[in-house]
Protein backbone atom coordinates (compact mmCIF):
# COMPACT_ATOMS: atom_id res chain seq x y z
CA MET A 1 -0.22 0.17 -0.03
CA SER A 2 0.93 3.63 -0.58
CA LEU A 3 0.64 6.49 1.61
CA LEU A 4 -1.93 7.99 -0.49
CA GLY A 5 -3.84 4.33 0.28
CA ASP A 6 -3.24 4.86 3.67
CA PHE A 7 -4.41 8.51 3.50
CA MET A 8 -7.15 8.10 1.33
CA ARG A 9 -8.31 4.82 3.90
CA ALA A 10 -8.40 7.32 6.84
CA LEU A 11 -10.33 10.05 5.28
CA ALA A 12 -13.17 7.34 4.47
CA GLY A 13 -13.30 6.04 7.79
CA THR A 14 -12.54 2.29 7.38
CA ASP A 15 -9.20 0.15 9.02
CA GLY A 16 -7.85 -1.07 5.90
CA ILE A 17 -10.03 -4.52 6.12
CA GLY A 18 -12.91 -3.25 4.65
CA ARG A 19 -14.81 -2.42 7.46
CA ASP A 20 -15.74 1.04 9.08
CA THR A 21 -13.82 2.20 11.73
CA PRO A 22 -16.21 4.50 14.09
CA ALA A 23 -14.40 6.33 15.34
CA LEU A 24 -13.54 8.10 12.21
CA THR A 25 -17.27 7.65 10.97
CA GLY A 26 -19.45 7.91 14.00
CA ASN A 27 -21.36 4.29 11.55
CA PRO A 28 -19.82 1.39 11.05
CA ASN A 29 -22.11 0.29 8.64
CA THR A 30 -21.55 3.12 6.31
CA SER A 31 -18.51 3.78 3.93
CA ASN A 32 -16.72 7.57 2.72
CA VAL A 33 -14.48 4.98 0.21
CA PRO A 34 -16.09 6.21 -3.55
CA VAL A 35 -16.76 9.80 -2.12
CA VAL A 36 -12.84 10.48 -0.94
CA HIS A 37 -11.83 8.31 -4.36
CA GLN A 38 -13.82 10.72 -5.98
CA ALA A 39 -11.80 13.73 -4.18
CA PHE A 40 -9.33 12.43 -5.77
CA ASP A 41 -10.54 11.31 -9.71
CA LEU A 42 -8.94 13.47 -12.48
CA THR A 43 -11.37 14.38 -15.11
CA ILE A 44 -9.99 14.45 -18.47
CA PRO A 45 -11.89 16.08 -21.59
CA PHE A 46 -11.61 15.46 -25.04
CA ALA A 47 -13.67 17.17 -27.18
CA LYS A 48 -14.90 15.18 -31.29
CA ALA A 49 -14.29 18.80 -32.89
CA ALA A 50 -16.50 18.00 -35.89
CA ALA A 51 -19.98 15.31 -37.23
CA ASP A 52 -19.18 11.88 -38.55
CA GLY A 53 -18.80 12.66 -42.56
CA ALA A 54 -20.92 10.37 -43.32
CA ALA A 55 -23.14 7.45 -41.33
CA GLY A 56 -20.50 4.89 -42.18
CA THR A 57 -17.72 6.96 -41.63
CA ALA A 58 -15.61 5.62 -38.96
CA THR A 59 -12.64 7.23 -36.50
CA ALA A 60 -9.43 4.98 -36.43
CA ASP A 61 -7.02 5.09 -33.10
CA THR A 62 -6.81 9.34 -31.73
CA LEU A 63 -4.76 9.88 -29.31
CA PHE A 64 -6.10 12.68 -26.67
CA TRP A 65 -4.27 12.45 -23.56
CA THR A 66 -0.58 11.37 -22.62
CA ASN A 67 0.12 10.60 -18.61
CA PRO A 68 2.40 13.31 -17.52
CA PHE A 69 2.42 11.72 -13.77
CA ASP A 70 5.00 9.90 -12.94
CA PHE A 71 2.37 6.44 -11.66
CA PRO A 72 0.19 4.98 -13.06
CA VAL A 73 -3.46 5.98 -13.46
CA LEU A 74 -6.97 4.02 -13.67
CA VAL A 75 -9.86 4.58 -16.35
CA VAL A 76 -12.97 4.54 -13.82
CA ALA A 77 -15.91 6.12 -15.99
CA GLY A 78 -16.62 8.48 -19.09
CA ARG A 79 -19.36 10.54 -20.08
CA ILE A 80 -20.34 11.35 -23.58
CA THR A 81 -22.44 14.37 -24.28
CA PRO A 82 -23.48 15.21 -27.76
CA ILE A 83 -23.31 18.46 -28.73
CA GLY A 84 -25.95 20.31 -31.69
CA ALA A 85 -27.60 16.69 -32.96
CA GLY A 86 -28.56 14.23 -31.63
CA VAL A 87 -28.17 10.27 -32.22
CA THR A 88 -31.73 7.47 -32.73
CA ALA A 89 -30.12 4.23 -31.44
CA ASP A 90 -31.07 1.27 -33.88
CA ASN A 91 -29.66 -2.05 -33.06
CA THR A 92 -28.56 -3.16 -36.34
CA ASN A 93 -27.21 0.55 -37.91
CA PHE A 94 -24.87 2.10 -34.50
CA ALA A 95 -21.95 3.15 -33.81
CA THR A 96 -19.72 1.71 -31.11
CA ILE A 97 -17.64 4.02 -29.69
CA THR A 98 -14.45 3.26 -27.23
CA ILE A 99 -11.95 4.40 -24.97
CA LYS A 100 -8.59 3.21 -24.92
CA THR A 101 -5.00 2.83 -23.56
CA ASN A 102 -1.85 1.83 -24.19
CA ASP A 103 1.52 1.23 -22.51
CA GLY A 104 3.18 3.89 -24.39
CA ALA A 105 6.31 1.95 -25.63
CA GLY A 106 4.95 0.92 -28.10
CA GLY A 107 2.33 -1.74 -27.10
CA ALA A 108 -1.04 -2.02 -28.85
CA THR A 109 -4.05 -0.31 -27.59
CA GLY A 110 -7.12 -2.17 -25.43
CA ILE A 111 -10.55 -1.27 -24.86
CA ALA A 112 -10.77 0.55 -21.73
CA LEU A 113 -14.14 2.08 -21.94
CA THR A 114 -17.56 1.35 -24.65
CA ALA A 115 -20.64 1.99 -25.59
CA ASN A 116 -23.09 1.03 -28.51
CA THR A 117 -25.42 3.45 -29.97
CA THR A 118 -27.81 0.89 -29.70
CA ILE A 119 -31.44 0.64 -27.86
CA THR A 120 -30.07 -2.05 -25.38
CA ASP A 121 -27.06 -0.27 -24.92
CA LEU A 122 -27.28 3.76 -24.60
CA GLY A 123 -30.53 3.82 -26.60
CA ASN A 124 -31.07 7.37 -27.80
CA LEU A 125 -28.45 10.33 -27.68
CA THR A 126 -29.83 13.86 -26.72
CA SER A 127 -28.55 17.07 -27.87
CA ASN A 128 -26.30 18.81 -24.48
CA GLN A 129 -27.68 16.00 -22.41
CA SER A 130 -24.64 13.19 -21.21
CA LYS A 131 -24.92 9.48 -20.71
CA SER A 132 -22.19 6.83 -19.31
CA PHE A 133 -19.53 4.86 -20.96
CA THR A 134 -22.24 1.43 -20.28
CA LEU A 135 -19.22 -1.18 -19.95
CA LEU A 136 -15.80 -1.03 -18.35
CA THR A 137 -12.55 -3.93 -19.12
CA PRO A 138 -10.67 -3.58 -16.12
CA ALA A 139 -7.85 -5.77 -17.76
CA ASN A 140 -7.14 -2.30 -20.03
CA GLN A 141 -8.18 0.77 -17.72
CA ILE A 142 -4.38 1.09 -16.64
CA VAL A 143 -2.53 3.89 -17.74
CA PRO A 144 0.90 3.67 -17.22
CA ALA A 145 3.13 7.09 -17.00
CA GLY A 146 4.05 7.54 -20.74
CA GLY A 147 0.63 5.97 -21.96
CA GLY A 148 -2.19 6.83 -23.57
CA LEU A 149 -6.09 7.21 -24.07
CA TRP A 150 -7.53 6.98 -27.50
CA PHE A 151 -10.57 7.47 -28.85
CA ASN A 152 -11.87 5.12 -31.70
CA ILE A 153 -15.92 4.90 -33.23
CA ALA A 154 -16.09 1.80 -35.46
CA LYS A 155 -20.03 1.62 -37.06
CA SER A 156 -21.84 -1.53 -37.38
CA GLY A 157 -24.82 -1.94 -40.71
CA THR A 158 -25.16 1.40 -41.98
CA GLY A 159 -23.44 2.90 -39.04
CA VAL A 160 -25.00 6.04 -38.07
CA VAL A 161 -23.12 9.87 -37.90
CA ILE A 162 -21.74 11.03 -34.10
CA PRO A 163 -22.22 14.42 -34.34
CA ILE A 164 -19.56 16.99 -32.82
CA SER A 165 -19.73 16.13 -29.00
CA ASN A 166 -18.09 15.78 -25.76
CA TYR A 167 -16.08 13.33 -23.99
CA THR A 168 -14.94 13.05 -19.99
CA ILE A 169 -12.41 10.33 -18.99
CA ARG A 170 -12.19 9.90 -14.84
CA LEU A 171 -9.50 8.40 -14.09
CA GLN A 172 -8.62 7.40 -10.70
CA ARG A 173 -4.48 7.32 -8.57
CA GLY A 174 -3.08 3.67 -9.65
CA GLU A 175 -1.49 1.77 -6.24
CA PHE A 176 0.85 -0.48 -7.84
């Protein structure tokens, strides 16, 4: 464990074994671990500055952030906010939006966050209303020092146009 981890557990009122410390929390049945983690979260914005040229137009892996810290970070969540036009969900003709990670040393990218513009996944995307990515792949959530975050859109069927959009990725300091 790190000093930061010990500090965060103390703030959360846990004894490090997952049980709450009543002296710190006043309640043995609650935990503030998520709240404390969020106090130390980093948010990384990414703006997709143009709508897709056509419904079938994919977006190849695009690097949008490199970890400048001397410690790893973990991708823990993300949000999508379309600007202007929305997207009508369809289970046949849809887009798969992914946030990927890599090691910064020439390694391949791996999918950390995924969202599909299907009825059964994201549903309709409405202008200026954010939605969460729906799938986190823990095996690919680590971004080491010098590693990167990548944006990608793949299309299925005839696809859909993904409009100008804002993406916010939430990261936490890795404990290794």
